[in-house]
Amino acid sequence: MAIRIAGVTIPNEKRVEIALTYIYGIGKPKSQAILKLAKINPNTRVKDLDDEQANKLRNLIEKQNKVEGDLKRDVFANIKRLKEIGSYRGSRHAKGLPVRGQRTKTNNRTVRGNIRKTATSGKKPAAQKT
């Protein structure tokens, strides 16, 4: 029996503490806090949870925490606001460059599309023999 919380199916074989981190907006510290509130042992496997515990977790997460769709919507709204007011951070988001002050001369290959422009001797390859 797979447990669905906030529209995400949680893996059965994992510990509850780790399985909750599959939900966008819940990391390990928040997962630990939720389990402490629900009085559930973090080491129990998801498949060993009974219906009452699963419902308690579902209610705690969906009612008290902003997760999944709501959180993603807020993040996108914040980025859109930065772009609209014309801030530096907004322009970096729009260009797809690092936003938080990282250097860009080197070390941002993934952002630039992994372009590798290495220096060569400039010598053209010899013509093919016919």
N, C-alpha and C. Protein backbone atom coordinates (compact mmCIF):
# COMPACT_ATOMS: atom_id res chain seq x y z
N MET A 1 0.85 -1.19 0.00
CA MET A 1 0.00 0.00 0.00
C MET A 1 0.88 1.24 0.00
N ALA A 2 0.84 1.99 -1.07
CA ALA A 2 1.65 3.20 -1.18
C ALA A 2 0.93 4.36 -0.52
N ILE A 3 1.69 5.18 0.19
CA ILE A 3 1.12 6.34 0.87
C ILE A 3 1.35 7.57 0.01
N ARG A 4 0.27 8.33 -0.22
CA ARG A 4 0.38 9.59 -0.97
C ARG A 4 0.18 10.75 -0.02
N ILE A 5 1.15 11.67 -0.02
CA ILE A 5 1.05 12.88 0.79
C ILE A 5 1.34 14.06 -0.13
N ALA A 6 0.45 15.03 -0.14
CA ALA A 6 0.58 16.25 -0.96
C ALA A 6 0.82 15.91 -2.43
N GLY A 7 0.17 14.85 -2.92
CA GLY A 7 0.28 14.50 -4.33
C GLY A 7 1.54 13.74 -4.70
N VAL A 8 2.32 13.29 -3.70
CA VAL A 8 3.56 12.56 -3.96
C VAL A 8 3.45 11.17 -3.34
N THR A 9 3.77 10.16 -4.13
CA THR A 9 3.79 8.80 -3.60
C THR A 9 5.12 8.57 -2.91
N ILE A 10 5.06 8.21 -1.64
CA ILE A 10 6.27 8.03 -0.84
C ILE A 10 6.76 6.59 -0.99
N PRO A 11 8.08 6.39 -1.19
CA PRO A 11 8.60 5.02 -1.37
C PRO A 11 8.40 4.16 -0.12
N ASN A 12 7.98 2.92 -0.33
CA ASN A 12 7.62 2.02 0.78
C ASN A 12 8.81 1.49 1.57
N GLU A 13 9.92 1.22 0.91
CA GLU A 13 11.04 0.54 1.56
C GLU A 13 11.92 1.45 2.40
N LYS A 14 11.77 2.76 2.27
CA LYS A 14 12.66 3.69 2.97
C LYS A 14 12.15 3.98 4.37
N ARG A 15 13.09 4.52 5.20
CA ARG A 15 12.70 4.99 6.53
C ARG A 15 11.82 6.22 6.35
N VAL A 16 10.89 6.42 7.28
CA VAL A 16 9.94 7.53 7.17
C VAL A 16 10.67 8.87 7.10
N GLU A 17 11.72 9.00 7.91
CA GLU A 17 12.49 10.25 7.97
C GLU A 17 13.03 10.64 6.59
N ILE A 18 13.52 9.68 5.84
CA ILE A 18 14.08 9.93 4.51
C ILE A 18 12.96 10.02 3.47
N ALA A 19 11.94 9.19 3.60
CA ALA A 19 10.85 9.15 2.61
C ALA A 19 10.12 10.49 2.53
N LEU A 20 9.99 11.20 3.65
CA LEU A 20 9.28 12.48 3.64
C LEU A 20 10.04 13.53 2.83
N THR A 21 11.35 13.36 2.68
CA THR A 21 12.14 14.34 1.93
C THR A 21 11.87 14.26 0.42
N TYR A 22 11.10 13.27 -0.03
CA TYR A 22 10.72 13.18 -1.44
C TYR A 22 9.67 14.24 -1.78
N ILE A 23 9.10 14.87 -0.76
CA ILE A 23 8.11 15.92 -0.96
C ILE A 23 8.84 17.25 -1.10
N TYR A 24 8.55 17.99 -2.16
CA TYR A 24 9.21 19.28 -2.40
C TYR A 24 8.86 20.23 -1.25
N GLY A 25 9.88 20.77 -0.60
CA GLY A 25 9.66 21.69 0.50
C GLY A 25 9.93 21.07 1.86
N ILE A 26 10.23 19.76 1.87
CA ILE A 26 10.56 19.10 3.14
C ILE A 26 11.95 18.51 3.02
N GLY A 27 12.84 18.99 3.88
CA GLY A 27 14.19 18.44 3.95
C GLY A 27 14.30 17.57 5.19
N LYS A 28 15.51 17.18 5.53
CA LYS A 28 15.70 16.29 6.68
C LYS A 28 15.32 16.95 8.00
N PRO A 29 15.73 18.21 8.25
CA PRO A 29 15.36 18.82 9.53
C PRO A 29 13.84 18.97 9.71
N LYS A 30 13.15 19.39 8.67
CA LYS A 30 11.69 19.56 8.77
C LYS A 30 11.02 18.20 8.91
N SER A 31 11.57 17.19 8.24
CA SER A 31 11.04 15.84 8.36
C SER A 31 11.15 15.35 9.80
N GLN A 32 12.31 15.58 10.42
CA GLN A 32 12.50 15.18 11.82
C GLN A 32 11.52 15.90 12.74
N ALA A 33 11.30 17.19 12.49
CA ALA A 33 10.39 17.97 13.33
C ALA A 33 8.95 17.45 13.20
N ILE A 34 8.54 17.13 11.98
CA ILE A 34 7.19 16.62 11.74
C ILE A 34 6.99 15.29 12.46
N LEU A 35 8.00 14.40 12.36
CA LEU A 35 7.89 13.10 13.01
C LEU A 35 7.85 13.22 14.53
N LYS A 36 8.57 14.21 15.06
CA LYS A 36 8.55 14.43 16.51
C LYS A 36 7.16 14.90 16.95
N LEU A 37 6.54 15.79 16.16
CA LEU A 37 5.19 16.26 16.45
C LEU A 37 4.18 15.12 16.39
N ALA A 38 4.34 14.24 15.39
CA ALA A 38 3.42 13.13 15.19
C ALA A 38 3.71 11.96 16.13
N LYS A 39 4.83 12.05 16.85
CA LYS A 39 5.27 10.97 17.77
C LYS A 39 5.43 9.64 17.03
N ILE A 40 6.16 9.71 15.90
CA ILE A 40 6.45 8.51 15.10
C ILE A 40 7.96 8.31 15.10
N ASN A 41 8.39 7.07 15.29
CA ASN A 41 9.82 6.76 15.29
C ASN A 41 10.38 6.96 13.88
N PRO A 42 11.44 7.81 13.73
CA PRO A 42 12.00 8.09 12.40
C PRO A 42 12.57 6.86 11.70
N ASN A 43 12.89 5.81 12.46
CA ASN A 43 13.52 4.62 11.88
C ASN A 43 12.52 3.61 11.33
N THR A 44 11.22 3.82 11.55
CA THR A 44 10.24 2.87 11.02
C THR A 44 10.15 3.01 9.51
N ARG A 45 9.90 1.91 8.84
CA ARG A 45 9.76 1.91 7.38
C ARG A 45 8.35 2.39 7.02
N VAL A 46 8.22 2.96 5.85
CA VAL A 46 6.93 3.49 5.41
C VAL A 46 5.88 2.37 5.33
N LYS A 47 6.30 1.18 4.89
CA LYS A 47 5.34 0.06 4.76
C LYS A 47 4.82 -0.40 6.11
N ASP A 48 5.55 -0.09 7.21
CA ASP A 48 5.12 -0.50 8.55
C ASP A 48 4.20 0.50 9.23
N LEU A 49 3.96 1.66 8.60
CA LEU A 49 3.05 2.65 9.18
C LEU A 49 1.61 2.16 9.06
N ASP A 50 0.81 2.37 10.12
CA ASP A 50 -0.60 2.03 10.00
C ASP A 50 -1.36 3.24 9.47
N ASP A 51 -2.65 3.05 9.18
CA ASP A 51 -3.45 4.10 8.55
C ASP A 51 -3.54 5.35 9.42
N GLU A 52 -3.66 5.14 10.72
CA GLU A 52 -3.79 6.27 11.64
C GLU A 52 -2.54 7.16 11.59
N GLN A 53 -1.36 6.52 11.62
CA GLN A 53 -0.11 7.29 11.55
C GLN A 53 0.03 8.01 10.21
N ALA A 54 -0.34 7.33 9.14
CA ALA A 54 -0.26 7.93 7.80
C ALA A 54 -1.16 9.16 7.71
N ASN A 55 -2.38 9.05 8.25
CA ASN A 55 -3.31 10.18 8.22
C ASN A 55 -2.80 11.33 9.08
N LYS A 56 -2.18 11.01 10.21
CA LYS A 56 -1.62 12.05 11.09
C LYS A 56 -0.51 12.81 10.35
N LEU A 57 0.36 12.05 9.67
CA LEU A 57 1.43 12.68 8.89
C LEU A 57 0.86 13.56 7.78
N ARG A 58 -0.13 13.01 7.06
CA ARG A 58 -0.74 13.74 5.95
C ARG A 58 -1.33 15.06 6.42
N ASN A 59 -2.05 15.02 7.55
CA ASN A 59 -2.67 16.24 8.08
C ASN A 59 -1.61 17.25 8.52
N LEU A 60 -0.57 16.79 9.21
CA LEU A 60 0.48 17.69 9.67
C LEU A 60 1.16 18.38 8.50
N ILE A 61 1.47 17.63 7.46
CA ILE A 61 2.21 18.18 6.33
C ILE A 61 1.34 19.11 5.49
N GLU A 62 0.13 18.67 5.14
CA GLU A 62 -0.70 19.46 4.23
C GLU A 62 -1.31 20.68 4.89
N LYS A 63 -1.59 20.62 6.18
CA LYS A 63 -2.24 21.75 6.85
C LYS A 63 -1.23 22.79 7.34
N GLN A 64 -0.09 22.35 7.87
CA GLN A 64 0.82 23.28 8.54
C GLN A 64 2.01 23.72 7.71
N ASN A 65 2.33 23.02 6.64
CA ASN A 65 3.51 23.36 5.84
C ASN A 65 3.13 23.70 4.42
N LYS A 66 3.86 24.65 3.84
CA LYS A 66 3.66 24.99 2.44
C LYS A 66 4.57 24.07 1.63
N VAL A 67 3.98 23.14 0.87
CA VAL A 67 4.77 22.16 0.12
C VAL A 67 4.25 22.03 -1.30
N GLU A 68 5.05 21.39 -2.14
CA GLU A 68 4.72 21.06 -3.53
C GLU A 68 4.20 22.24 -4.32
N GLY A 69 2.97 22.19 -4.84
CA GLY A 69 2.45 23.19 -5.77
C GLY A 69 2.43 24.60 -5.22
N ASP A 70 1.96 24.76 -3.98
CA ASP A 70 1.87 26.09 -3.37
C ASP A 70 3.25 26.71 -3.24
N LEU A 71 4.22 25.93 -2.79
CA LEU A 71 5.58 26.44 -2.60
C LEU A 71 6.22 26.79 -3.93
N LYS A 72 6.05 25.91 -4.93
CA LYS A 72 6.62 26.18 -6.26
C LYS A 72 6.02 27.44 -6.85
N ARG A 73 4.72 27.62 -6.68
CA ARG A 73 4.04 28.81 -7.18
C ARG A 73 4.61 30.07 -6.53
N ASP A 74 4.85 30.02 -5.22
CA ASP A 74 5.42 31.17 -4.51
C ASP A 74 6.83 31.49 -5.00
N VAL A 75 7.65 30.45 -5.20
CA VAL A 75 9.03 30.65 -5.66
C VAL A 75 9.02 31.31 -7.04
N PHE A 76 8.18 30.79 -7.96
CA PHE A 76 8.10 31.38 -9.29
C PHE A 76 7.57 32.81 -9.25
N ALA A 77 6.63 33.08 -8.34
CA ALA A 77 6.09 34.44 -8.20
C ALA A 77 7.18 35.39 -7.72
N ASN A 78 8.02 34.93 -6.79
CA ASN A 78 9.12 35.76 -6.28
C ASN A 78 10.11 36.09 -7.40
N ILE A 79 10.44 35.08 -8.21
CA ILE A 79 11.38 35.29 -9.32
C ILE A 79 10.76 36.24 -10.35
N LYS A 80 9.48 36.07 -10.63
CA LYS A 80 8.78 36.94 -11.58
C LYS A 80 8.79 38.39 -11.08
N ARG A 81 8.58 38.58 -9.78
CA ARG A 81 8.59 39.92 -9.19
C ARG A 81 9.96 40.56 -9.36
N LEU A 82 11.03 39.78 -9.11
CA LEU A 82 12.38 40.31 -9.28
C LEU A 82 12.63 40.75 -10.71
N LYS A 83 12.12 39.97 -11.68
CA LYS A 83 12.30 40.32 -13.10
C LYS A 83 11.53 41.60 -13.43
N GLU A 84 10.29 41.71 -12.91
CA GLU A 84 9.45 42.85 -13.24
C GLU A 84 10.00 44.16 -12.69
N ILE A 85 10.57 44.14 -11.49
CA ILE A 85 11.08 45.39 -10.92
C ILE A 85 12.45 45.74 -11.48
N GLY A 86 12.99 44.83 -12.30
CA GLY A 86 14.25 45.12 -12.99
C GLY A 86 15.47 45.05 -12.09
N SER A 87 15.41 44.23 -11.06
CA SER A 87 16.55 44.11 -10.16
C SER A 87 17.68 43.33 -10.81
N TYR A 88 18.85 43.45 -10.24
CA TYR A 88 20.02 42.72 -10.74
C TYR A 88 19.76 41.22 -10.68
N ARG A 89 19.24 40.76 -9.54
CA ARG A 89 18.95 39.32 -9.39
C ARG A 89 17.94 38.85 -10.43
N GLY A 90 16.94 39.70 -10.71
CA GLY A 90 15.94 39.36 -11.71
C GLY A 90 16.54 39.21 -13.09
N SER A 91 17.48 40.11 -13.42
CA SER A 91 18.12 40.03 -14.74
C SER A 91 18.99 38.79 -14.84
N ARG A 92 19.65 38.40 -13.75
CA ARG A 92 20.46 37.18 -13.74
C ARG A 92 19.56 35.95 -13.95
N HIS A 93 18.38 35.94 -13.31
CA HIS A 93 17.44 34.84 -13.51
C HIS A 93 17.01 34.78 -14.97
N ALA A 94 16.71 35.94 -15.54
CA ALA A 94 16.23 35.99 -16.93
C ALA A 94 17.29 35.48 -17.90
N LYS A 95 18.56 35.78 -17.63
CA LYS A 95 19.64 35.36 -18.52
C LYS A 95 20.08 33.92 -18.25
N GLY A 96 19.62 33.35 -17.14
CA GLY A 96 20.00 31.99 -16.79
C GLY A 96 21.42 31.89 -16.28
N LEU A 97 21.88 32.93 -15.60
CA LEU A 97 23.23 32.96 -15.04
C LEU A 97 23.16 32.82 -13.52
N PRO A 98 24.32 32.55 -12.86
CA PRO A 98 24.30 32.45 -11.41
C PRO A 98 23.81 33.75 -10.77
N VAL A 99 22.96 33.62 -9.75
CA VAL A 99 22.30 34.77 -9.14
C VAL A 99 23.04 35.24 -7.89
N ARG A 100 23.71 34.35 -7.20
CA ARG A 100 24.20 34.67 -5.87
C ARG A 100 25.69 35.00 -5.80
N GLY A 101 26.18 35.72 -6.80
CA GLY A 101 27.54 36.25 -6.72
C GLY A 101 28.66 35.29 -7.06
N GLN A 102 28.36 34.13 -7.64
CA GLN A 102 29.43 33.20 -8.01
C GLN A 102 30.20 33.77 -9.20
N ARG A 103 31.47 33.35 -9.31
CA ARG A 103 32.27 33.80 -10.45
C ARG A 103 31.78 33.11 -11.71
N THR A 104 31.93 33.81 -12.84
CA THR A 104 31.44 33.24 -14.09
C THR A 104 32.53 33.06 -15.13
N LYS A 105 33.75 33.54 -14.83
CA LYS A 105 34.82 33.34 -15.82
C LYS A 105 35.10 31.84 -15.96
N THR A 106 35.10 31.15 -14.85
CA THR A 106 35.20 29.69 -14.86
C THR A 106 34.11 29.17 -13.93
N ASN A 107 33.95 27.88 -13.88
CA ASN A 107 33.07 27.22 -12.90
C ASN A 107 31.58 27.45 -13.07
N ASN A 108 31.11 27.81 -14.23
CA ASN A 108 29.66 27.80 -14.42
C ASN A 108 29.30 27.12 -15.73
N ARG A 109 30.00 26.04 -16.01
CA ARG A 109 29.81 25.32 -17.26
C ARG A 109 28.37 24.85 -17.44
N THR A 110 27.77 24.33 -16.39
CA THR A 110 26.42 23.78 -16.54
C THR A 110 25.43 24.88 -16.90
N VAL A 111 25.62 26.07 -16.36
CA VAL A 111 24.71 27.16 -16.67
C VAL A 111 24.87 27.60 -18.12
N ARG A 112 26.10 27.62 -18.61
CA ARG A 112 26.36 28.08 -19.97
C ARG A 112 26.19 26.97 -21.00
N GLY A 113 25.82 25.79 -20.58
CA GLY A 113 25.59 24.70 -21.53
C GLY A 113 26.84 23.88 -21.79
N ASN A 114 27.75 23.80 -20.84
CA ASN A 114 28.94 22.96 -20.90
C ASN A 114 29.78 23.23 -22.15
N ILE A 115 29.99 24.51 -22.46
CA ILE A 115 30.81 24.89 -23.62
C ILE A 115 32.28 24.80 -23.20
N ARG A 116 33.07 24.06 -23.95
CA ARG A 116 34.50 23.93 -23.63
C ARG A 116 35.31 24.55 -24.75
N LYS A 117 35.73 25.77 -24.54
CA LYS A 117 36.56 26.45 -25.53
C LYS A 117 37.99 26.39 -25.03
N THR A 118 38.74 25.42 -25.52
CA THR A 118 40.13 25.29 -25.08
C THR A 118 41.05 25.92 -26.10
N ALA A 119 42.16 26.41 -25.63
CA ALA A 119 43.14 27.04 -26.53
C ALA A 119 43.88 25.95 -27.30
N THR A 120 43.98 26.12 -28.60
CA THR A 120 44.75 25.19 -29.43
C THR A 120 45.86 25.98 -30.11
N SER A 121 46.71 25.30 -30.85
CA SER A 121 47.85 25.96 -31.48
C SER A 121 47.42 26.90 -32.59
N GLY A 122 46.18 26.76 -33.08
CA GLY A 122 45.72 27.61 -34.17
C GLY A 122 46.10 27.04 -35.53
N LYS A 123 46.83 25.97 -35.53
CA LYS A 123 47.28 25.35 -36.78
C LYS A 123 46.13 24.55 -37.37
N LYS A 124 45.84 24.78 -38.64
CA LYS A 124 44.74 24.08 -39.30
C LYS A 124 45.16 22.64 -39.58
N PRO A 125 44.23 21.70 -39.51
CA PRO A 125 44.59 20.30 -39.82
C PRO A 125 45.00 20.15 -41.29
N ALA A 126 45.92 19.23 -41.54
CA ALA A 126 46.42 19.00 -42.90
C ALA A 126 45.29 18.49 -43.77
N ALA A 127 45.33 18.85 -45.05
CA ALA A 127 44.30 18.43 -45.99
C ALA A 127 44.37 16.91 -46.15
N GLN A 128 43.20 16.32 -46.37
CA GLN A 128 43.15 14.86 -46.55
C GLN A 128 43.79 14.47 -47.87
N LYS A 129 44.48 13.32 -47.85
CA LYS A 129 45.07 12.81 -49.09
C LYS A 129 43.99 12.19 -49.96
N THR A 130 44.09 12.41 -51.28
CA THR A 130 43.07 11.86 -52.17
C THR A 130 43.55 10.63 -52.86
